[in-house]
Amino acid sequence: ILYLTPVTVSLTLIGLITAVAAGAWWRSHAPTSALIAA
């Protein structure tokens, strides 16, 4: 919590959104490997 600032929270959310979008894309192209990775 000492490192939580508007910038770090925003970067964290952007990173999470990007990672989840990439995971959804991966699942649509290679479901088995994406499932194992998830």
PDB file of all heavy atoms in Angstrom:
ATOM      1  N   ILE A   1       0.818  -1.212   0.000  1.00  0.00           N
ATOM      2  CA  ILE A   1       0.000   0.000   0.000  1.00  0.00           C
ATOM      3  C   ILE A   1       0.853   1.264   0.000  1.00  0.00           C
ATOM      4  O   ILE A   1       0.375   2.325  -0.374  1.00  0.00           O
ATOM      5  CB  ILE A   1      -1.002   0.032   1.175  1.00  0.00           C
ATOM      6  CG1 ILE A   1      -0.281   0.142   2.508  1.00  0.00           C
ATOM      7  CG2 ILE A   1      -1.904  -1.177   1.143  1.00  0.00           C
ATOM      8  CD1 ILE A   1      -1.223   0.283   3.670  1.00  0.00           C
ATOM      9  N   LEU A   2       2.118   1.128   0.381  1.00  0.00           N
ATOM     10  CA  LEU A   2       3.005   2.290   0.357  1.00  0.00           C
ATOM     11  C   LEU A   2       3.317   2.724  -1.070  1.00  0.00           C
ATOM     12  O   LEU A   2       3.731   3.852  -1.307  1.00  0.00           O
ATOM     13  CB  LEU A   2       4.305   1.971   1.102  1.00  0.00           C
ATOM     14  CG  LEU A   2       4.141   1.556   2.571  1.00  0.00           C
ATOM     15  CD1 LEU A   2       5.484   1.165   3.164  1.00  0.00           C
ATOM     16  CD2 LEU A   2       3.510   2.681   3.384  1.00  0.00           C
ATOM     17  N   TYR A   3       3.110   1.817  -2.036  1.00  0.00           N
ATOM     18  CA  TYR A   3       3.426   2.113  -3.433  1.00  0.00           C
ATOM     19  C   TYR A   3       2.180   2.413  -4.266  1.00  0.00           C
ATOM     20  O   TYR A   3       2.282   2.570  -5.476  1.00  0.00           O
ATOM     21  CB  TYR A   3       4.189   0.940  -4.052  1.00  0.00           C
ATOM     22  CG  TYR A   3       5.457   0.627  -3.302  1.00  0.00           C
ATOM     23  CD1 TYR A   3       5.512  -0.445  -2.419  1.00  0.00           C
ATOM     24  CD2 TYR A   3       6.589   1.420  -3.451  1.00  0.00           C
ATOM     25  CE1 TYR A   3       6.669  -0.724  -1.715  1.00  0.00           C
ATOM     26  CE2 TYR A   3       7.749   1.158  -2.745  1.00  0.00           C
ATOM     27  CZ  TYR A   3       7.776   0.071  -1.876  1.00  0.00           C
ATOM     28  OH  TYR A   3       8.917  -0.184  -1.178  1.00  0.00           O
ATOM     29  N   LEU A   4       1.020   2.472  -3.635  1.00  0.00           N
ATOM     30  CA  LEU A   4      -0.209   2.744  -4.370  1.00  0.00           C
ATOM     31  C   LEU A   4      -0.378   4.246  -4.574  1.00  0.00           C
ATOM     32  O   LEU A   4      -0.557   5.003  -3.627  1.00  0.00           O
ATOM     33  CB  LEU A   4      -1.424   2.177  -3.632  1.00  0.00           C
ATOM     34  CG  LEU A   4      -1.573   0.663  -3.656  1.00  0.00           C
ATOM     35  CD1 LEU A   4      -2.798   0.257  -2.860  1.00  0.00           C
ATOM     36  CD2 LEU A   4      -1.655   0.133  -5.058  1.00  0.00           C
ATOM     37  N   THR A   5      -0.291   4.637  -5.813  1.00  0.00           N
ATOM     38  CA  THR A   5      -0.531   6.018  -6.211  1.00  0.00           C
ATOM     39  C   THR A   5      -1.483   5.958  -7.403  1.00  0.00           C
ATOM     40  O   THR A   5      -1.681   4.883  -7.972  1.00  0.00           O
ATOM     41  CB  THR A   5       0.776   6.721  -6.633  1.00  0.00           C
ATOM     42  OG1 THR A   5       1.269   6.074  -7.817  1.00  0.00           O
ATOM     43  CG2 THR A   5       1.828   6.657  -5.531  1.00  0.00           C
ATOM     44  N   PRO A   6      -2.059   7.070  -7.798  1.00  0.00           N
ATOM     45  CA  PRO A   6      -2.898   7.030  -9.007  1.00  0.00           C
ATOM     46  C   PRO A   6      -2.159   6.466 -10.220  1.00  0.00           C
ATOM     47  O   PRO A   6      -2.741   5.752 -11.032  1.00  0.00           O
ATOM     48  CB  PRO A   6      -3.293   8.493  -9.211  1.00  0.00           C
ATOM     49  CG  PRO A   6      -3.282   9.071  -7.825  1.00  0.00           C
ATOM     50  CD  PRO A   6      -2.144   8.385  -7.131  1.00  0.00           C
ATOM     51  N   VAL A   7      -0.869   6.754 -10.329  1.00  0.00           N
ATOM     52  CA  VAL A   7      -0.091   6.256 -11.472  1.00  0.00           C
ATOM     53  C   VAL A   7       0.082   4.749 -11.386  1.00  0.00           C
ATOM     54  O   VAL A   7      -0.148   4.028 -12.372  1.00  0.00           O
ATOM     55  CB  VAL A   7       1.281   6.961 -11.543  1.00  0.00           C
ATOM     56  CG1 VAL A   7       2.172   6.320 -12.589  1.00  0.00           C
ATOM     57  CG2 VAL A   7       1.104   8.445 -11.822  1.00  0.00           C
ATOM     58  N   THR A   8       0.481   4.217 -10.223  1.00  0.00           N
ATOM     59  CA  THR A   8       0.700   2.777 -10.118  1.00  0.00           C
ATOM     60  C   THR A   8      -0.608   1.997 -10.245  1.00  0.00           C
ATOM     61  O   THR A   8      -0.633   0.927 -10.846  1.00  0.00           O
ATOM     62  CB  THR A   8       1.404   2.404  -8.798  1.00  0.00           C
ATOM     63  OG1 THR A   8       0.622   2.872  -7.687  1.00  0.00           O
ATOM     64  CG2 THR A   8       2.793   2.997  -8.723  1.00  0.00           C
ATOM     65  N   VAL A   9      -1.697   2.541  -9.721  1.00  0.00           N
ATOM     66  CA  VAL A   9      -2.995   1.870  -9.862  1.00  0.00           C
ATOM     67  C   VAL A   9      -3.412   1.870 -11.326  1.00  0.00           C
ATOM     68  O   VAL A   9      -3.866   0.841 -11.861  1.00  0.00           O
ATOM     69  CB  VAL A   9      -4.069   2.538  -8.976  1.00  0.00           C
ATOM     70  CG1 VAL A   9      -5.454   2.006  -9.298  1.00  0.00           C
ATOM     71  CG2 VAL A   9      -3.759   2.314  -7.499  1.00  0.00           C
ATOM     72  N   SER A  10      -3.242   2.985 -12.020  1.00  0.00           N
ATOM     73  CA  SER A  10      -3.593   3.069 -13.444  1.00  0.00           C
ATOM     74  C   SER A  10      -2.755   2.102 -14.281  1.00  0.00           C
ATOM     75  O   SER A  10      -3.280   1.396 -15.147  1.00  0.00           O
ATOM     76  CB  SER A  10      -3.394   4.488 -13.966  1.00  0.00           C
ATOM     77  OG  SER A  10      -4.226   5.385 -13.284  1.00  0.00           O
ATOM     78  N   LEU A  11      -1.456   2.061 -14.015  1.00  0.00           N
ATOM     79  CA  LEU A  11      -0.583   1.144 -14.751  1.00  0.00           C
ATOM     80  C   LEU A  11      -0.948  -0.308 -14.476  1.00  0.00           C
ATOM     81  O   LEU A  11      -0.927  -1.150 -15.387  1.00  0.00           O
ATOM     82  CB  LEU A  11       0.885   1.403 -14.399  1.00  0.00           C
ATOM     83  CG  LEU A  11       1.475   2.714 -14.916  1.00  0.00           C
ATOM     84  CD1 LEU A  11       2.885   2.915 -14.387  1.00  0.00           C
ATOM     85  CD2 LEU A  11       1.460   2.746 -16.444  1.00  0.00           C
ATOM     86  N   THR A  12      -1.295  -0.603 -13.228  1.00  0.00           N
ATOM     87  CA  THR A  12      -1.712  -1.962 -12.882  1.00  0.00           C
ATOM     88  C   THR A  12      -2.975  -2.350 -13.633  1.00  0.00           C
ATOM     89  O   THR A  12      -3.069  -3.447 -14.204  1.00  0.00           O
ATOM     90  CB  THR A  12      -1.944  -2.083 -11.358  1.00  0.00           C
ATOM     91  OG1 THR A  12      -0.731  -1.765 -10.683  1.00  0.00           O
ATOM     92  CG2 THR A  12      -2.400  -3.472 -10.973  1.00  0.00           C
ATOM     93  N   LEU A  13      -3.951  -1.454 -13.662  1.00  0.00           N
ATOM     94  CA  LEU A  13      -5.198  -1.739 -14.371  1.00  0.00           C
ATOM     95  C   LEU A  13      -4.975  -1.888 -15.875  1.00  0.00           C
ATOM     96  O   LEU A  13      -5.539  -2.796 -16.496  1.00  0.00           O
ATOM     97  CB  LEU A  13      -6.223  -0.643 -14.090  1.00  0.00           C
ATOM     98  CG  LEU A  13      -6.787  -0.622 -12.667  1.00  0.00           C
ATOM     99  CD1 LEU A  13      -7.676   0.594 -12.463  1.00  0.00           C
ATOM    100  CD2 LEU A  13      -7.559  -1.906 -12.367  1.00  0.00           C
ATOM    101  N   ILE A  14      -4.145  -1.036 -16.448  1.00  0.00           N
ATOM    102  CA  ILE A  14      -3.838  -1.154 -17.880  1.00  0.00           C
ATOM    103  C   ILE A  14      -3.153  -2.487 -18.161  1.00  0.00           C
ATOM    104  O   ILE A  14      -3.483  -3.179 -19.135  1.00  0.00           O
ATOM    105  CB  ILE A  14      -2.976   0.033 -18.355  1.00  0.00           C
ATOM    106  CG1 ILE A  14      -3.808   1.316 -18.351  1.00  0.00           C
ATOM    107  CG2 ILE A  14      -2.389  -0.225 -19.743  1.00  0.00           C
ATOM    108  CD1 ILE A  14      -2.986   2.581 -18.521  1.00  0.00           C
ATOM    109  N   GLY A  15      -2.209  -2.860 -17.308  1.00  0.00           N
ATOM    110  CA  GLY A  15      -1.525  -4.140 -17.476  1.00  0.00           C
ATOM    111  C   GLY A  15      -2.469  -5.327 -17.365  1.00  0.00           C
ATOM    112  O   GLY A  15      -2.396  -6.277 -18.154  1.00  0.00           O
ATOM    113  N   LEU A  16      -3.384  -5.274 -16.385  1.00  0.00           N
ATOM    114  CA  LEU A  16      -4.341  -6.367 -16.216  1.00  0.00           C
ATOM    115  C   LEU A  16      -5.291  -6.466 -17.403  1.00  0.00           C
ATOM    116  O   LEU A  16      -5.561  -7.564 -17.906  1.00  0.00           O
ATOM    117  CB  LEU A  16      -5.129  -6.170 -14.925  1.00  0.00           C
ATOM    118  CG  LEU A  16      -4.382  -6.449 -13.627  1.00  0.00           C
ATOM    119  CD1 LEU A  16      -5.206  -5.989 -12.427  1.00  0.00           C
ATOM    120  CD2 LEU A  16      -4.058  -7.928 -13.498  1.00  0.00           C
ATOM    121  N   ILE A  17      -5.797  -5.331 -17.863  1.00  0.00           N
ATOM    122  CA  ILE A  17      -6.702  -5.339 -19.016  1.00  0.00           C
ATOM    123  C   ILE A  17      -5.994  -5.897 -20.243  1.00  0.00           C
ATOM    124  O   ILE A  17      -6.544  -6.726 -20.980  1.00  0.00           O
ATOM    125  CB  ILE A  17      -7.254  -3.922 -19.273  1.00  0.00           C
ATOM    126  CG1 ILE A  17      -8.199  -3.509 -18.141  1.00  0.00           C
ATOM    127  CG2 ILE A  17      -7.965  -3.844 -20.620  1.00  0.00           C
ATOM    128  CD1 ILE A  17      -8.566  -2.035 -18.126  1.00  0.00           C
ATOM    129  N   THR A  18      -4.762  -5.476 -20.464  1.00  0.00           N
ATOM    130  CA  THR A  18      -3.985  -5.968 -21.601  1.00  0.00           C
ATOM    131  C   THR A  18      -3.739  -7.469 -21.492  1.00  0.00           C
ATOM    132  O   THR A  18      -3.893  -8.208 -22.474  1.00  0.00           O
ATOM    133  CB  THR A  18      -2.642  -5.215 -21.693  1.00  0.00           C
ATOM    134  OG1 THR A  18      -2.901  -3.809 -21.775  1.00  0.00           O
ATOM    135  CG2 THR A  18      -1.836  -5.658 -22.891  1.00  0.00           C
ATOM    136  N   ALA A  19      -3.373  -7.933 -20.306  1.00  0.00           N
ATOM    137  CA  ALA A  19      -3.093  -9.362 -20.107  1.00  0.00           C
ATOM    138  C   ALA A  19      -4.351 -10.208 -20.309  1.00  0.00           C
ATOM    139  O   ALA A  19      -4.302 -11.268 -20.938  1.00  0.00           O
ATOM    140  CB  ALA A  19      -2.516  -9.585 -18.709  1.00  0.00           C
ATOM    141  N   VAL A  20      -5.481  -9.753 -19.803  1.00  0.00           N
ATOM    142  CA  VAL A  20      -6.723 -10.515 -19.951  1.00  0.00           C
ATOM    143  C   VAL A  20      -7.164 -10.525 -21.413  1.00  0.00           C
ATOM    144  O   VAL A  20      -7.601 -11.553 -21.939  1.00  0.00           O
ATOM    145  CB  VAL A  20      -7.829  -9.958 -19.031  1.00  0.00           C
ATOM    146  CG1 VAL A  20      -9.162 -10.629 -19.310  1.00  0.00           C
ATOM    147  CG2 VAL A  20      -7.443 -10.157 -17.570  1.00  0.00           C
ATOM    148  N   ALA A  21      -7.030  -9.391 -22.096  1.00  0.00           N
ATOM    149  CA  ALA A  21      -7.368  -9.342 -23.525  1.00  0.00           C
ATOM    150  C   ALA A  21      -6.469 -10.294 -24.322  1.00  0.00           C
ATOM    151  O   ALA A  21      -6.947 -11.009 -25.214  1.00  0.00           O
ATOM    152  CB  ALA A  21      -7.244  -7.917 -24.052  1.00  0.00           C
ATOM    153  N   ALA A  22      -5.186 -10.326 -23.982  1.00  0.00           N
ATOM    154  CA  ALA A  22      -4.260 -11.244 -24.655  1.00  0.00           C
ATOM    155  C   ALA A  22      -4.634 -12.695 -24.361  1.00  0.00           C
ATOM    156  O   ALA A  22      -4.574 -13.555 -25.246  1.00  0.00           O
ATOM    157  CB  ALA A  22      -2.827 -10.961 -24.213  1.00  0.00           C
ATOM    158  N   GLY A  23      -5.033 -12.976 -23.117  1.00  0.00           N
ATOM    159  CA  GLY A  23      -5.459 -14.327 -22.761  1.00  0.00           C
ATOM    160  C   GLY A  23      -6.708 -14.758 -23.517  1.00  0.00           C
ATOM    161  O   GLY A  23      -6.819 -15.911 -23.956  1.00  0.00           O
ATOM    162  N   ALA A  24      -7.653 -13.838 -23.678  1.00  0.00           N
ATOM    163  CA  ALA A  24      -8.875 -14.147 -24.432  1.00  0.00           C
ATOM    164  C   ALA A  24      -8.543 -14.400 -25.899  1.00  0.00           C
ATOM    165  O   ALA A  24      -9.072 -15.328 -26.523  1.00  0.00           O
ATOM    166  CB  ALA A  24      -9.872 -13.001 -24.286  1.00  0.00           C
ATOM    167  N   TRP A  25      -7.658 -13.583 -26.472  1.00  0.00           N
ATOM    168  CA  TRP A  25      -7.240 -13.785 -27.856  1.00  0.00           C
ATOM    169  C   TRP A  25      -6.534 -15.122 -28.008  1.00  0.00           C
ATOM    170  O   TRP A  25      -6.790 -15.875 -28.953  1.00  0.00           O
ATOM    171  CB  TRP A  25      -6.317 -12.643 -28.280  1.00  0.00           C
ATOM    172  CG  TRP A  25      -5.827 -12.800 -29.688  1.00  0.00           C
ATOM    173  CD1 TRP A  25      -6.431 -12.373 -30.829  1.00  0.00           C
ATOM    174  CD2 TRP A  25      -4.615 -13.446 -30.101  1.00  0.00           C
ATOM    175  NE1 TRP A  25      -5.681 -12.712 -31.922  1.00  0.00           N
ATOM    176  CE2 TRP A  25      -4.566 -13.381 -31.506  1.00  0.00           C
ATOM    177  CE3 TRP A  25      -3.586 -14.094 -29.415  1.00  0.00           C
ATOM    178  CZ2 TRP A  25      -3.509 -13.920 -32.247  1.00  0.00           C
ATOM    179  CZ3 TRP A  25      -2.541 -14.637 -30.147  1.00  0.00           C
ATOM    180  CH2 TRP A  25      -2.512 -14.541 -31.537  1.00  0.00           C
ATOM    181  N   TRP A  26      -5.635 -15.436 -27.061  1.00  0.00           N
ATOM    182  CA  TRP A  26      -4.892 -16.693 -27.105  1.00  0.00           C
ATOM    183  C   TRP A  26      -5.865 -17.865 -27.038  1.00  0.00           C
ATOM    184  O   TRP A  26      -5.730 -18.845 -27.768  1.00  0.00           O
ATOM    185  CB  TRP A  26      -3.901 -16.718 -25.949  1.00  0.00           C
ATOM    186  CG  TRP A  26      -2.962 -17.889 -25.924  1.00  0.00           C
ATOM    187  CD1 TRP A  26      -2.790 -18.844 -26.899  1.00  0.00           C
ATOM    188  CD2 TRP A  26      -2.057 -18.227 -24.883  1.00  0.00           C
ATOM    189  NE1 TRP A  26      -1.836 -19.755 -26.518  1.00  0.00           N
ATOM    190  CE2 TRP A  26      -1.370 -19.390 -25.285  1.00  0.00           C
ATOM    191  CE3 TRP A  26      -1.759 -17.660 -23.660  1.00  0.00           C
ATOM    192  CZ2 TRP A  26      -0.406 -20.008 -24.489  1.00  0.00           C
ATOM    193  CZ3 TRP A  26      -0.794 -18.262 -22.864  1.00  0.00           C
ATOM    194  CH2 TRP A  26      -0.126 -19.413 -23.272  1.00  0.00           C
ATOM    195  N   ARG A  27      -6.854 -17.764 -26.165  1.00  0.00           N
ATOM    196  CA  ARG A  27      -7.825 -18.849 -26.019  1.00  0.00           C
ATOM    197  C   ARG A  27      -8.606 -19.075 -27.311  1.00  0.00           C
ATOM    198  O   ARG A  27      -8.956 -20.205 -27.644  1.00  0.00           O
ATOM    199  CB  ARG A  27      -8.775 -18.564 -24.872  1.00  0.00           C
ATOM    200  CG  ARG A  27      -9.667 -19.749 -24.562  1.00  0.00           C
ATOM    201  CD  ARG A  27     -10.391 -19.537 -23.279  1.00  0.00           C
ATOM    202  NE  ARG A  27     -11.816 -19.580 -23.537  1.00  0.00           N
ATOM    203  CZ  ARG A  27     -12.725 -19.463 -22.601  1.00  0.00           C
ATOM    204  NH1 ARG A  27     -12.375 -19.248 -21.356  1.00  0.00           N
ATOM    205  NH2 ARG A  27     -13.990 -19.529 -22.912  1.00  0.00           N
ATOM    206  N   SER A  28      -8.871 -18.021 -28.059  1.00  0.00           N
ATOM    207  CA  SER A  28      -9.611 -18.191 -29.303  1.00  0.00           C
ATOM    208  C   SER A  28      -8.752 -18.803 -30.414  1.00  0.00           C
ATOM    209  O   SER A  28      -9.282 -19.373 -31.353  1.00  0.00           O
ATOM    210  CB  SER A  28     -10.184 -16.851 -29.770  1.00  0.00           C
ATOM    211  OG  SER A  28      -9.152 -15.997 -30.206  1.00  0.00           O
ATOM    212  N   HIS A  29      -7.430 -18.692 -30.303  1.00  0.00           N
ATOM    213  CA  HIS A  29      -6.533 -19.218 -31.332  1.00  0.00           C
ATOM    214  C   HIS A  29      -5.887 -20.554 -30.953  1.00  0.00           C
ATOM    215  O   HIS A  29      -5.592 -21.360 -31.833  1.00  0.00           O
ATOM    216  CB  HIS A  29      -5.447 -18.191 -31.657  1.00  0.00           C
ATOM    217  CG  HIS A  29      -5.957 -17.031 -32.431  1.00  0.00           C
ATOM    218  ND1 HIS A  29      -6.649 -15.992 -31.848  1.00  0.00           N
ATOM    219  CD2 HIS A  29      -5.915 -16.747 -33.754  1.00  0.00           C
ATOM    220  CE1 HIS A  29      -6.987 -15.119 -32.769  1.00  0.00           C
ATOM    221  NE2 HIS A  29      -6.560 -15.548 -33.926  1.00  0.00           N
ATOM    222  N   ALA A  30      -5.620 -20.765 -29.697  1.00  0.00           N
ATOM    223  CA  ALA A  30      -4.988 -22.010 -29.234  1.00  0.00           C
ATOM    224  C   ALA A  30      -5.598 -22.397 -27.891  1.00  0.00           C
ATOM    225  O   ALA A  30      -4.987 -22.183 -26.839  1.00  0.00           O
ATOM    226  CB  ALA A  30      -3.482 -21.828 -29.124  1.00  0.00           C
ATOM    227  N   PRO A  31      -6.825 -22.936 -27.902  1.00  0.00           N
ATOM    228  CA  PRO A  31      -7.559 -23.153 -26.654  1.00  0.00           C
ATOM    229  C   PRO A  31      -6.859 -24.056 -25.644  1.00  0.00           C
ATOM    230  O   PRO A  31      -6.886 -23.775 -24.450  1.00  0.00           O
ATOM    231  CB  PRO A  31      -8.880 -23.767 -27.109  1.00  0.00           C
ATOM    232  CG  PRO A  31      -8.903 -23.737 -28.582  1.00  0.00           C
ATOM    233  CD  PRO A  31      -7.575 -23.316 -29.069  1.00  0.00           C
ATOM    234  N   THR A  32      -6.216 -25.113 -26.107  1.00  0.00           N
ATOM    235  CA  THR A  32      -5.601 -26.058 -25.170  1.00  0.00           C
ATOM    236  C   THR A  32      -4.435 -25.432 -24.425  1.00  0.00           C
ATOM    237  O   THR A  32      -4.362 -25.503 -23.194  1.00  0.00           O
ATOM    238  CB  THR A  32      -5.145 -27.327 -25.914  1.00  0.00           C
ATOM    239  OG1 THR A  32      -6.271 -27.882 -26.605  1.00  0.00           O
ATOM    240  CG2 THR A  32      -4.597 -28.352 -24.940  1.00  0.00           C
ATOM    241  N   SER A  33      -3.519 -24.815 -25.154  1.00  0.00           N
ATOM    242  CA  SER A  33      -2.353 -24.219 -24.493  1.00  0.00           C
ATOM    243  C   SER A  33      -2.765 -23.029 -23.633  1.00  0.00           C
ATOM    244  O   SER A  33      -2.211 -22.803 -22.552  1.00  0.00           O
ATOM    245  CB  SER A  33      -1.288 -23.810 -25.515  1.00  0.00           C
ATOM    246  OG  SER A  33      -1.809 -22.857 -26.415  1.00  0.00           O
ATOM    247  N   ALA A  34      -3.766 -22.268 -24.087  1.00  0.00           N
ATOM    248  CA  ALA A  34      -4.241 -21.133 -23.291  1.00  0.00           C
ATOM    249  C   ALA A  34      -4.894 -21.605 -22.003  1.00  0.00           C
ATOM    250  O   ALA A  34      -4.730 -20.985 -20.944  1.00  0.00           O
ATOM    251  CB  ALA A  34      -5.233 -20.298 -24.103  1.00  0.00           C
ATOM    252  N   LEU A  35      -5.625 -22.712 -22.073  1.00  0.00           N
ATOM    253  CA  LEU A  35      -6.267 -23.267 -20.887  1.00  0.00           C
ATOM    254  C   LEU A  35      -5.228 -23.722 -19.863  1.00  0.00           C
ATOM    255  O   LEU A  35      -5.342 -23.419 -18.671  1.00  0.00           O
ATOM    256  CB  LEU A  35      -7.164 -24.441 -21.288  1.00  0.00           C
ATOM    257  CG  LEU A  35      -7.957 -25.098 -20.182  1.00  0.00           C
ATOM    258  CD1 LEU A  35      -9.064 -24.170 -19.700  1.00  0.00           C
ATOM    259  CD2 LEU A  35      -8.541 -26.408 -20.667  1.00  0.00           C
ATOM    260  N   ILE A  36      -4.205 -24.409 -20.325  1.00  0.00           N
ATOM    261  CA  ILE A  36      -3.136 -24.865 -19.423  1.00  0.00           C
ATOM    262  C   ILE A  36      -2.439 -23.668 -18.787  1.00  0.00           C
ATOM    263  O   ILE A  36      -2.207 -23.633 -17.573  1.00  0.00           O
ATOM    264  CB  ILE A  36      -2.127 -25.753 -20.179  1.00  0.00           C
ATOM    265  CG1 ILE A  36      -2.797 -27.072 -20.586  1.00  0.00           C
ATOM    266  CG2 ILE A  36      -0.886 -26.020 -19.333  1.00  0.00           C
ATOM    267  CD1 ILE A  36      -1.991 -27.891 -21.573  1.00  0.00           C
ATOM    268  N   ALA A  37      -2.116 -22.661 -19.603  1.00  0.00           N
ATOM    269  CA  ALA A  37      -1.439 -21.472 -19.076  1.00  0.00           C
ATOM    270  C   ALA A  37      -2.302 -20.758 -18.050  1.00  0.00           C
ATOM    271  O   ALA A  37      -1.807 -20.325 -16.998  1.00  0.00           O
ATOM    272  CB  ALA A  37      -1.080 -20.528 -20.221  1.00  0.00           C
ATOM    273  N   ALA A  38      -3.604 -20.629 -18.336  1.00  0.00           N
ATOM    274  CA  ALA A  38      -4.500 -19.953 -17.400  1.00  0.00           C
ATOM    275  C   ALA A  38      -4.578 -20.704 -16.076  1.00  0.00           C
ATOM    276  O   ALA A  38      -4.594 -20.085 -15.003  1.00  0.00           O
ATOM    277  CB  ALA A  38      -5.887 -19.804 -18.007  1.00  0.00           C
TER     278      ALA A  38
END
